[in-house]
């Protein structure tokens, strides 16, 4: 499929497919408005279906579909569909929403199969020796930093909750409106940093990886499969998050977090077991069950 070219579009409308719809929405009438609102909710449907199928899904006529794509600046339905496909490659889950999706009896088995496939894909591409080396760095570090923005911070926090039972000094960064700079300034060469970089990543991710590497700390990155392998971190674990649903599937990420804690617990030896026992005994005395 050849890439989009400027001659395919009129020059008086925005470039983005969804931007075109939003720009024209206030001036559309009835049937076209119904189609416009449908496409804003389910933009991936235009990329997947021909004009007749889209008309059926949105409850309008085929003529309305043809008229609307011209109104938003495309020369033909095929040109509009090509633009939708290109924009759908940005990684937004919105493009995977399906208008005719149903809660069929097969939905749960399919979801479980998807998770199994993602976990299998992930571990097939991770060298167990790298897991062991990463865990060793955690156990020997002065301090373990778990870094993540947006949804990545959720996994950083989860891993911290589990790891702190074994490793005395664990920090999640940044927290509650903090910037990352003050934390990187506190990192040392005898520290270990695990940075989560899951979609959608913030723009500073690559630069943050480079800045952390400058500190000399042992650096591991956990990302989704779309992030290219980087030579900067000492370890880069790519977790598959592929899904047929509007939400990324993070089963492999959670599995990797769990396995890191399992291996850290096993390798911590007597010192680790003593700390874990102390933590549990204190929690019992405090009434946490």
C-alpha atoms as a PDB file:
ATOM      1  CA  UNK A   1       0.000   0.000   0.000  1.00  0.00           C
ATOM      2  CA  UNK A   2       1.515   3.302  -1.066  1.00  0.00           C
ATOM      3  CA  UNK A   3       1.644   6.117   1.504  1.00  0.00           C
ATOM      4  CA  UNK A   4      -0.818   9.001   1.538  1.00  0.00           C
ATOM      5  CA  UNK A   5       0.096  12.016  -0.563  1.00  0.00           C
ATOM      6  CA  UNK A   6      -1.077  15.577  -0.252  1.00  0.00           C
ATOM      7  CA  UNK A   7      -2.900  15.697  -3.638  1.00  0.00           C
ATOM      8  CA  UNK A   8      -5.448  13.214  -2.264  1.00  0.00           C
ATOM      9  CA  UNK A   9      -6.803  15.812   0.198  1.00  0.00           C
ATOM     10  CA  UNK A  10      -8.245  19.268  -0.057  1.00  0.00           C
ATOM     11  CA  UNK A  11      -6.012  21.968   1.406  1.00  0.00           C
ATOM     12  CA  UNK A  12      -8.602  23.781   3.536  1.00  0.00           C
ATOM     13  CA  UNK A  13      -9.020  21.105   6.229  1.00  0.00           C
ATOM     14  CA  UNK A  14      -6.759  19.656   8.954  1.00  0.00           C
ATOM     15  CA  UNK A  15      -4.451  16.743   8.042  1.00  0.00           C
ATOM     16  CA  UNK A  16      -5.565  14.202  10.661  1.00  0.00           C
ATOM     17  CA  UNK A  17      -8.539  11.938   9.940  1.00  0.00           C
ATOM     18  CA  UNK A  18     -10.198  12.540  13.327  1.00  0.00           C
ATOM     19  CA  UNK A  19      -9.255  16.231  13.222  1.00  0.00           C
ATOM     20  CA  UNK A  20     -11.170  16.561   9.952  1.00  0.00           C
ATOM     21  CA  UNK A  21     -14.295  15.053  11.513  1.00  0.00           C
ATOM     22  CA  UNK A  22     -14.095  17.255  14.621  1.00  0.00           C
ATOM     23  CA  UNK A  23     -13.585  20.353  12.453  1.00  0.00           C
ATOM     24  CA  UNK A  24     -16.712  19.671  10.380  1.00  0.00           C
ATOM     25  CA  UNK A  25     -18.938  18.283  13.148  1.00  0.00           C
ATOM     26  CA  UNK A  26     -20.623  21.582  14.150  1.00  0.00           C
ATOM     27  CA  UNK A  27     -21.875  22.169  10.599  1.00  0.00           C
ATOM     28  CA  UNK A  28     -23.112  18.651   9.793  1.00  0.00           C
ATOM     29  CA  UNK A  29     -26.799  17.753   9.759  1.00  0.00           C
ATOM     30  CA  UNK A  30     -28.716  14.743  11.015  1.00  0.00           C
ATOM     31  CA  UNK A  31     -27.543  11.678   9.051  1.00  0.00           C
ATOM     32  CA  UNK A  32     -24.062  13.040   8.508  1.00  0.00           C
ATOM     33  CA  UNK A  33     -23.823  14.025  12.175  1.00  0.00           C
ATOM     34  CA  UNK A  34     -24.848  10.491  13.148  1.00  0.00           C
ATOM     35  CA  UNK A  35     -22.084   9.128  10.934  1.00  0.00           C
ATOM     36  CA  UNK A  36     -19.553  11.661  12.265  1.00  0.00           C
ATOM     37  CA  UNK A  37     -20.296  10.817  15.899  1.00  0.00           C
ATOM     38  CA  UNK A  38     -20.138   7.116  15.081  1.00  0.00           C
ATOM     39  CA  UNK A  39     -16.686   7.528  13.530  1.00  0.00           C
ATOM     40  CA  UNK A  40     -15.428   9.555  16.486  1.00  0.00           C
ATOM     41  CA  UNK A  41     -16.435   6.674  18.756  1.00  0.00           C
ATOM     42  CA  UNK A  42     -15.278   3.888  16.429  1.00  0.00           C
ATOM     43  CA  UNK A  43     -12.740   5.339  13.943  1.00  0.00           C
ATOM     44  CA  UNK A  44     -11.248   1.931  13.227  1.00  0.00           C
ATOM     45  CA  UNK A  45     -14.469   0.813  11.551  1.00  0.00           C
ATOM     46  CA  UNK A  46     -13.788   2.974   8.484  1.00  0.00           C
ATOM     47  CA  UNK A  47     -10.335   1.410   8.181  1.00  0.00           C
ATOM     48  CA  UNK A  48     -11.875  -2.073   8.298  1.00  0.00           C
ATOM     49  CA  UNK A  49     -15.064  -1.873   6.220  1.00  0.00           C
ATOM     50  CA  UNK A  50     -16.196  -0.770   2.794  1.00  0.00           C
ATOM     51  CA  UNK A  51     -18.707   2.051   2.409  1.00  0.00           C
ATOM     52  CA  UNK A  52     -21.746  -0.227   2.326  1.00  0.00           C
ATOM     53  CA  UNK A  53     -20.727  -2.020   5.558  1.00  0.00           C
ATOM     54  CA  UNK A  54     -19.942   1.260   7.298  1.00  0.00           C
ATOM     55  CA  UNK A  55     -23.340   2.627   6.297  1.00  0.00           C
ATOM     56  CA  UNK A  56     -25.037  -0.419   7.835  1.00  0.00           C
ATOM     57  CA  UNK A  57     -23.084  -0.168  11.097  1.00  0.00           C
ATOM     58  CA  UNK A  58     -23.730   3.554  11.522  1.00  0.00           C
ATOM     59  CA  UNK A  59     -27.373   3.504  10.427  1.00  0.00           C
ATOM     60  CA  UNK A  60     -27.039   5.811   7.415  1.00  0.00           C
ATOM     61  CA  UNK A  61     -27.165   5.381   3.647  1.00  0.00           C
ATOM     62  CA  UNK A  62     -24.174   4.636   1.450  1.00  0.00           C
ATOM     63  CA  UNK A  63     -24.762   7.974  -0.276  1.00  0.00           C
ATOM     64  CA  UNK A  64     -24.412   9.720   3.092  1.00  0.00           C
ATOM     65  CA  UNK A  65     -21.056   7.998   3.658  1.00  0.00           C
ATOM     66  CA  UNK A  66     -19.773   9.090   0.243  1.00  0.00           C
ATOM     67  CA  UNK A  67     -21.027  12.639   0.733  1.00  0.00           C
ATOM     68  CA  UNK A  68     -19.514  12.919   4.197  1.00  0.00           C
ATOM     69  CA  UNK A  69     -15.993  11.776   3.279  1.00  0.00           C
ATOM     70  CA  UNK A  70     -15.949  14.444   0.578  1.00  0.00           C
ATOM     71  CA  UNK A  71     -17.231  17.039   3.021  1.00  0.00           C
ATOM     72  CA  UNK A  72     -14.290  16.376   5.370  1.00  0.00           C
ATOM     73  CA  UNK A  73     -11.815  16.820   2.520  1.00  0.00           C
ATOM     74  CA  UNK A  74     -11.156  13.415   0.961  1.00  0.00           C
ATOM     75  CA  UNK A  75     -11.485  12.773  -2.752  1.00  0.00           C
ATOM     76  CA  UNK A  76     -12.936   9.300  -2.274  1.00  0.00           C
ATOM     77  CA  UNK A  77     -13.873   6.711   0.333  1.00  0.00           C
ATOM     78  CA  UNK A  78     -10.689   4.764  -0.429  1.00  0.00           C
ATOM     79  CA  UNK A  79      -8.593   7.844   0.327  1.00  0.00           C
ATOM     80  CA  UNK A  80     -10.442   8.359   3.621  1.00  0.00           C
ATOM     81  CA  UNK A  81      -9.948   4.713   4.564  1.00  0.00           C
ATOM     82  CA  UNK A  82      -6.242   4.941   3.769  1.00  0.00           C
ATOM     83  CA  UNK A  83      -5.940   7.989   6.029  1.00  0.00           C
ATOM     84  CA  UNK A  84      -7.784   6.149   8.808  1.00  0.00           C
ATOM     85  CA  UNK A  85      -5.435   3.184   8.532  1.00  0.00           C
ATOM     86  CA  UNK A  86      -2.392   5.427   8.701  1.00  0.00           C
ATOM     87  CA  UNK A  87      -3.703   7.291  11.749  1.00  0.00           C
ATOM     88  CA  UNK A  88      -4.673   3.996  13.394  1.00  0.00           C
ATOM     89  CA  UNK A  89      -1.007   3.010  13.512  1.00  0.00           C
ATOM     90  CA  UNK A  90      -0.346   5.587  16.232  1.00  0.00           C
ATOM     91  CA  UNK A  91      -1.115   2.974  18.896  1.00  0.00           C
ATOM     92  CA  UNK A  92      -4.277   4.559  20.297  1.00  0.00           C
ATOM     93  CA  UNK A  93      -6.663   1.975  21.757  1.00  0.00           C
ATOM     94  CA  UNK A  94      -9.559   4.050  20.404  1.00  0.00           C
ATOM     95  CA  UNK A  95      -8.875   2.611  16.978  1.00  0.00           C
ATOM     96  CA  UNK A  96      -9.542  -0.922  18.207  1.00  0.00           C
ATOM     97  CA  UNK A  97     -13.060  -0.221  19.514  1.00  0.00           C
ATOM     98  CA  UNK A  98     -15.660  -2.207  17.602  1.00  0.00           C
ATOM     99  CA  UNK A  99     -19.241  -1.091  17.147  1.00  0.00           C
ATOM    100  CA  UNK A 100     -20.659  -4.592  16.746  1.00  0.00           C
ATOM    101  CA  UNK A 101     -18.616  -6.299  19.449  1.00  0.00           C
ATOM    102  CA  UNK A 102     -20.684  -8.713  21.552  1.00  0.00           C
ATOM    103  CA  UNK A 103     -20.165 -10.502  24.842  1.00  0.00           C
ATOM    104  CA  UNK A 104     -20.251 -13.939  23.240  1.00  0.00           C
ATOM    105  CA  UNK A 105     -19.672 -17.176  25.117  1.00  0.00           C
ATOM    106  CA  UNK A 106     -16.243 -17.347  23.477  1.00  0.00           C
ATOM    107  CA  UNK A 107     -15.086 -13.947  24.779  1.00  0.00           C
ATOM    108  CA  UNK A 108     -13.416 -15.187  27.967  1.00  0.00           C
ATOM    109  CA  UNK A 109     -11.607 -18.155  26.349  1.00  0.00           C
ATOM    110  CA  UNK A 110     -10.351 -15.825  23.628  1.00  0.00           C
ATOM    111  CA  UNK A 111      -9.116 -13.338  26.228  1.00  0.00           C
ATOM    112  CA  UNK A 112      -7.315 -16.065  28.151  1.00  0.00           C
ATOM    113  CA  UNK A 113      -5.721 -17.348  24.951  1.00  0.00           C
ATOM    114  CA  UNK A 114      -4.574 -13.811  24.155  1.00  0.00           C
ATOM    115  CA  UNK A 115      -2.930 -13.510  27.577  1.00  0.00           C
ATOM    116  CA  UNK A 116      -1.226 -16.904  27.237  1.00  0.00           C
ATOM    117  CA  UNK A 117       0.090 -15.936  23.817  1.00  0.00           C
ATOM    118  CA  UNK A 118       1.439 -12.631  25.108  1.00  0.00           C
ATOM    119  CA  UNK A 119       3.186 -14.255  28.069  1.00  0.00           C
ATOM    120  CA  UNK A 120       4.663 -17.003  25.874  1.00  0.00           C
ATOM    121  CA  UNK A 121       5.868 -14.487  23.268  1.00  0.00           C
ATOM    122  CA  UNK A 122       7.530 -12.433  26.004  1.00  0.00           C
ATOM    123  CA  UNK A 123       9.442 -15.234  27.745  1.00  0.00           C
ATOM    124  CA  UNK A 124      10.528 -16.779  24.459  1.00  0.00           C
ATOM    125  CA  UNK A 125      12.490 -13.574  23.847  1.00  0.00           C
ATOM    126  CA  UNK A 126      14.005 -13.153  27.314  1.00  0.00           C
ATOM    127  CA  UNK A 127      17.242 -14.873  28.219  1.00  0.00           C
ATOM    128  CA  UNK A 128      16.846 -16.353  31.740  1.00  0.00           C
ATOM    129  CA  UNK A 129      20.448 -15.362  32.422  1.00  0.00           C
ATOM    130  CA  UNK A 130      19.460 -11.716  31.961  1.00  0.00           C
ATOM    131  CA  UNK A 131      16.694 -12.084  34.526  1.00  0.00           C
ATOM    132  CA  UNK A 132      19.192 -13.552  36.983  1.00  0.00           C
ATOM    133  CA  UNK A 133      21.696 -10.764  36.317  1.00  0.00           C
ATOM    134  CA  UNK A 134      19.003  -8.103  36.779  1.00  0.00           C
ATOM    135  CA  UNK A 135      17.865  -9.665  40.051  1.00  0.00           C
ATOM    136  CA  UNK A 136      21.451  -9.880  41.231  1.00  0.00           C
ATOM    137  CA  UNK A 137      21.860  -6.164  40.587  1.00  0.00           C
ATOM    138  CA  UNK A 138      18.721  -5.469  42.629  1.00  0.00           C
ATOM    139  CA  UNK A 139      19.965  -7.465  45.597  1.00  0.00           C
ATOM    140  CA  UNK A 140      23.432  -5.920  45.606  1.00  0.00           C
ATOM    141  CA  UNK A 141      22.385  -2.302  44.968  1.00  0.00           C
ATOM    142  CA  UNK A 142      22.636   0.490  47.514  1.00  0.00           C
ATOM    143  CA  UNK A 143      19.148   1.534  46.409  1.00  0.00           C
ATOM    144  CA  UNK A 144      16.642   0.236  43.848  1.00  0.00           C
ATOM    145  CA  UNK A 145      14.771   2.874  41.847  1.00  0.00           C
ATOM    146  CA  UNK A 146      11.551   1.923  40.051  1.00  0.00           C
ATOM    147  CA  UNK A 147      10.711   4.566  37.460  1.00  0.00           C
ATOM    148  CA  UNK A 148       7.560   5.071  35.418  1.00  0.00           C
ATOM    149  CA  UNK A 149       5.090   7.654  34.142  1.00  0.00           C
ATOM    150  CA  UNK A 150       1.383   7.227  33.444  1.00  0.00           C
ATOM    151  CA  UNK A 151       0.366   3.536  33.472  1.00  0.00           C
ATOM    152  CA  UNK A 152       4.027   2.545  33.817  1.00  0.00           C
ATOM    153  CA  UNK A 153       4.019   4.016  37.309  1.00  0.00           C
ATOM    154  CA  UNK A 154       1.326   1.522  38.308  1.00  0.00           C
ATOM    155  CA  UNK A 155       3.696  -1.337  37.587  1.00  0.00           C
ATOM    156  CA  UNK A 156       6.599   0.452  39.252  1.00  0.00           C
ATOM    157  CA  UNK A 157       4.453   0.838  42.379  1.00  0.00           C
ATOM    158  CA  UNK A 158       3.297  -2.796  42.288  1.00  0.00           C
ATOM    159  CA  UNK A 159       6.858  -4.068  41.971  1.00  0.00           C
ATOM    160  CA  UNK A 160       7.974  -1.793  44.816  1.00  0.00           C
ATOM    161  CA  UNK A 161       5.287  -3.208  47.129  1.00  0.00           C
ATOM    162  CA  UNK A 162       6.568  -6.710  46.491  1.00  0.00           C
ATOM    163  CA  UNK A 163      10.289  -5.989  46.354  1.00  0.00           C
ATOM    164  CA  UNK A 164      10.473  -3.923  49.545  1.00  0.00           C
ATOM    165  CA  UNK A 165       9.848  -7.116  51.555  1.00  0.00           C
ATOM    166  CA  UNK A 166      13.234  -8.328  50.328  1.00  0.00           C
ATOM    167  CA  UNK A 167      15.263  -5.231  49.447  1.00  0.00           C
ATOM    168  CA  UNK A 168      15.548  -2.617  52.225  1.00  0.00           C
ATOM    169  CA  UNK A 169      15.744   0.542  50.107  1.00  0.00           C
ATOM    170  CA  UNK A 170      13.259   0.778  47.218  1.00  0.00           C
ATOM    171  CA  UNK A 171      11.931   4.035  45.744  1.00  0.00           C
ATOM    172  CA  UNK A 172       9.271   4.763  43.123  1.00  0.00           C
ATOM    173  CA  UNK A 173       9.856   7.851  40.995  1.00  0.00           C
ATOM    174  CA  UNK A 174       8.435  10.253  40.150  1.00  0.00           C
ATOM    175  CA  UNK A 175       5.460  10.528  42.507  1.00  0.00           C
ATOM    176  CA  UNK A 176       2.579  13.001  42.795  1.00  0.00           C
ATOM    177  CA  UNK A 177       3.607  15.787  40.449  1.00  0.00           C
ATOM    178  CA  UNK A 178       7.350  15.459  40.971  1.00  0.00           C
ATOM    179  CA  UNK A 179       9.774  15.802  38.079  1.00  0.00           C
ATOM    180  CA  UNK A 180      12.283  13.065  37.367  1.00  0.00           C
ATOM    181  CA  UNK A 181      15.326  15.326  37.497  1.00  0.00           C
ATOM    182  CA  UNK A 182      15.680  15.481  41.276  1.00  0.00           C
ATOM    183  CA  UNK A 183      15.581  11.698  41.474  1.00  0.00           C
ATOM    184  CA  UNK A 184      18.133  11.133  38.705  1.00  0.00           C
ATOM    185  CA  UNK A 185      20.403  13.620  40.492  1.00  0.00           C
ATOM    186  CA  UNK A 186      20.290  11.310  43.552  1.00  0.00           C
ATOM    187  CA  UNK A 187      21.130   8.124  41.636  1.00  0.00           C
ATOM    188  CA  UNK A 188      24.598   6.638  42.076  1.00  0.00           C
ATOM    189  CA  UNK A 189      26.741   4.093  40.296  1.00  0.00           C
ATOM    190  CA  UNK A 190      26.037   1.477  42.968  1.00  0.00           C
ATOM    191  CA  UNK A 191      22.266   1.818  42.501  1.00  0.00           C
ATOM    192  CA  UNK A 192      19.947  -0.220  40.305  1.00  0.00           C
ATOM    193  CA  UNK A 193      17.207   1.401  38.198  1.00  0.00           C
ATOM    194  CA  UNK A 194      14.300  -0.378  36.545  1.00  0.00           C
ATOM    195  CA  UNK A 195      12.385   1.911  34.205  1.00  0.00           C
ATOM    196  CA  UNK A 196       8.951   0.950  32.868  1.00  0.00           C
ATOM    197  CA  UNK A 197       8.297   2.362  29.385  1.00  0.00           C
ATOM    198  CA  UNK A 198       4.867   1.109  28.346  1.00  0.00           C
ATOM    199  CA  UNK A 199       2.658   2.776  25.779  1.00  0.00           C
ATOM    200  CA  UNK A 200       1.720   5.461  25.680  1.00  0.00           C
ATOM    201  CA  UNK A 201       5.189   6.597  26.685  1.00  0.00           C
ATOM    202  CA  UNK A 202       5.882  10.194  27.630  1.00  0.00           C
ATOM    203  CA  UNK A 203       8.085  12.101  25.239  1.00  0.00           C
ATOM    204  CA  UNK A 204      11.020  12.305  27.640  1.00  0.00           C
ATOM    205  CA  UNK A 205      11.481   8.527  27.911  1.00  0.00           C
ATOM    206  CA  UNK A 206      14.491   8.140  25.617  1.00  0.00           C
ATOM    207  CA  UNK A 207      16.210  11.148  27.124  1.00  0.00           C
ATOM    208  CA  UNK A 208      15.513   9.888  30.650  1.00  0.00           C
ATOM    209  CA  UNK A 209      17.113   6.538  29.792  1.00  0.00           C
ATOM    210  CA  UNK A 210      20.223   8.357  28.576  1.00  0.00           C
ATOM    211  CA  UNK A 211      20.381  10.575  31.681  1.00  0.00           C
ATOM    212  CA  UNK A 212      20.041   7.586  34.020  1.00  0.00           C
ATOM    213  CA  UNK A 213      22.765   5.742  32.117  1.00  0.00           C
ATOM    214  CA  UNK A 214      25.118   8.676  32.749  1.00  0.00           C
ATOM    215  CA  UNK A 215      24.837   8.075  36.500  1.00  0.00           C
ATOM    216  CA  UNK A 216      26.458   4.661  36.077  1.00  0.00           C
ATOM    217  CA  UNK A 217      23.581   2.876  37.817  1.00  0.00           C
ATOM    218  CA  UNK A 218      22.691  -0.577  36.527  1.00  0.00           C
ATOM    219  CA  UNK A 219      19.708   0.112  34.274  1.00  0.00           C
ATOM    220  CA  UNK A 220      16.928  -2.217  33.130  1.00  0.00           C
ATOM    221  CA  UNK A 221      14.009  -1.209  30.901  1.00  0.00           C
ATOM    222  CA  UNK A 222      10.653  -2.980  30.716  1.00  0.00           C
ATOM    223  CA  UNK A 223       8.681  -1.928  27.638  1.00  0.00           C
ATOM    224  CA  UNK A 224       5.977  -3.146  25.304  1.00  0.00           C
ATOM    225  CA  UNK A 225       6.882  -4.901  22.068  1.00  0.00           C
ATOM    226  CA  UNK A 226       6.578  -1.730  19.988  1.00  0.00           C
ATOM    227  CA  UNK A 227       9.640  -0.121  21.573  1.00  0.00           C
ATOM    228  CA  UNK A 228      12.788  -0.957  19.642  1.00  0.00           C
ATOM    229  CA  UNK A 229      15.564  -2.679  21.556  1.00  0.00           C
ATOM    230  CA  UNK A 230      17.974  -0.108  22.944  1.00  0.00           C
ATOM    231  CA  UNK A 231      21.726  -0.566  23.518  1.00  0.00           C
ATOM    232  CA  UNK A 232      21.712   2.021  26.325  1.00  0.00           C
ATOM    233  CA  UNK A 233      20.209   0.001  29.222  1.00  0.00           C
ATOM    234  CA  UNK A 234      22.068  -3.058  30.468  1.00  0.00           C
ATOM    235  CA  UNK A 235      18.867  -5.090  30.152  1.00  0.00           C
ATOM    236  CA  UNK A 236      15.796  -4.483  27.999  1.00  0.00           C
ATOM    237  CA  UNK A 237      12.796  -6.751  28.578  1.00  0.00           C
ATOM    238  CA  UNK A 238      10.111  -6.355  25.896  1.00  0.00           C
ATOM    239  CA  UNK A 239       6.642  -7.537  26.940  1.00  0.00           C
ATOM    240  CA  UNK A 240       3.975  -8.218  24.372  1.00  0.00           C
ATOM    241  CA  UNK A 241       0.778  -6.240  25.002  1.00  0.00           C
ATOM    242  CA  UNK A 242      -1.085  -7.132  21.782  1.00  0.00           C
ATOM    243  CA  UNK A 243      -4.862  -7.317  22.030  1.00  0.00           C
ATOM    244  CA  UNK A 244      -8.069  -7.341  20.027  1.00  0.00           C
ATOM    245  CA  UNK A 245      -9.738  -5.110  22.617  1.00  0.00           C
ATOM    246  CA  UNK A 246      -9.604  -1.325  23.158  1.00  0.00           C
ATOM    247  CA  UNK A 247      -7.193  -1.778  26.104  1.00  0.00           C
ATOM    248  CA  UNK A 248      -3.584  -2.982  26.067  1.00  0.00           C
ATOM    249  CA  UNK A 249      -3.116  -6.437  27.550  1.00  0.00           C
ATOM    250  CA  UNK A 250      -0.545  -6.173  30.373  1.00  0.00           C
ATOM    251  CA  UNK A 251      -0.597  -9.802  31.501  1.00  0.00           C
ATOM    252  CA  UNK A 252       3.014 -10.333  30.387  1.00  0.00           C
ATOM    253  CA  UNK A 253       4.198  -7.201  32.215  1.00  0.00           C
ATOM    254  CA  UNK A 254       2.614  -8.344  35.474  1.00  0.00           C
ATOM    255  CA  UNK A 255       4.010 -11.836  34.976  1.00  0.00           C
ATOM    256  CA  UNK A 256       7.512 -10.438  34.522  1.00  0.00           C
ATOM    257  CA  UNK A 257       7.173  -8.333  37.677  1.00  0.00           C
ATOM    258  CA  UNK A 258       6.072 -11.416  39.594  1.00  0.00           C
ATOM    259  CA  UNK A 259       8.962 -13.499  38.278  1.00  0.00           C
ATOM    260  CA  UNK A 260      11.504 -10.823  39.215  1.00  0.00           C
ATOM    261  CA  UNK A 261      10.196 -10.897  42.785  1.00  0.00           C
ATOM    262  CA  UNK A 262      10.145 -14.708  42.857  1.00  0.00           C
ATOM    263  CA  UNK A 263      13.773 -14.894  41.734  1.00  0.00           C
ATOM    264  CA  UNK A 264      14.793 -12.095  44.115  1.00  0.00           C
ATOM    265  CA  UNK A 265      13.141 -13.960  46.998  1.00  0.00           C
ATOM    266  CA  UNK A 266      14.897 -17.188  46.066  1.00  0.00           C
ATOM    267  CA  UNK A 267      18.302 -15.547  45.712  1.00  0.00           C
ATOM    268  CA  UNK A 268      18.123 -13.296  48.761  1.00  0.00           C
ATOM    269  CA  UNK A 269      19.159 -16.219  50.962  1.00  0.00           C
ATOM    270  CA  UNK A 270      19.098 -16.104  54.737  1.00  0.00           C
ATOM    271  CA  UNK A 271      19.260 -12.317  54.901  1.00  0.00           C
ATOM    272  CA  UNK A 272      16.233 -12.009  52.638  1.00  0.00           C
ATOM    273  CA  UNK A 273      14.244 -14.568  54.587  1.00  0.00           C
ATOM    274  CA  UNK A 274      15.024 -12.813  57.863  1.00  0.00           C
ATOM    275  CA  UNK A 275      13.828  -9.471  56.457  1.00  0.00           C
ATOM    276  CA  UNK A 276      10.647 -11.028  55.022  1.00  0.00           C
ATOM    277  CA  UNK A 277       9.893 -12.685  58.375  1.00  0.00           C
ATOM    278  CA  UNK A 278      10.422  -9.415  60.207  1.00  0.00           C
ATOM    279  CA  UNK A 279       8.121  -7.578  57.814  1.00  0.00           C
ATOM    280  CA  UNK A 280       5.371 -10.162  58.209  1.00  0.00           C
ATOM    281  CA  UNK A 281       5.659 -10.295  61.992  1.00  0.00           C
ATOM    282  CA  UNK A 282       5.465  -6.506  62.293  1.00  0.00           C
ATOM    283  CA  UNK A 283       2.454  -6.392  59.973  1.00  0.00           C
ATOM    284  CA  UNK A 284       0.690  -9.001  62.097  1.00  0.00           C
ATOM    285  CA  UNK A 285       1.346  -6.998  65.256  1.00  0.00           C
ATOM    286  CA  UNK A 286      -0.013  -3.893  63.519  1.00  0.00           C
ATOM    287  CA  UNK A 287      -3.157  -5.732  62.540  1.00  0.00           C
ATOM    288  CA  UNK A 288      -2.616  -6.022  58.767  1.00  0.00           C
ATOM    289  CA  UNK A 289      -4.022  -9.298  57.562  1.00  0.00           C
END
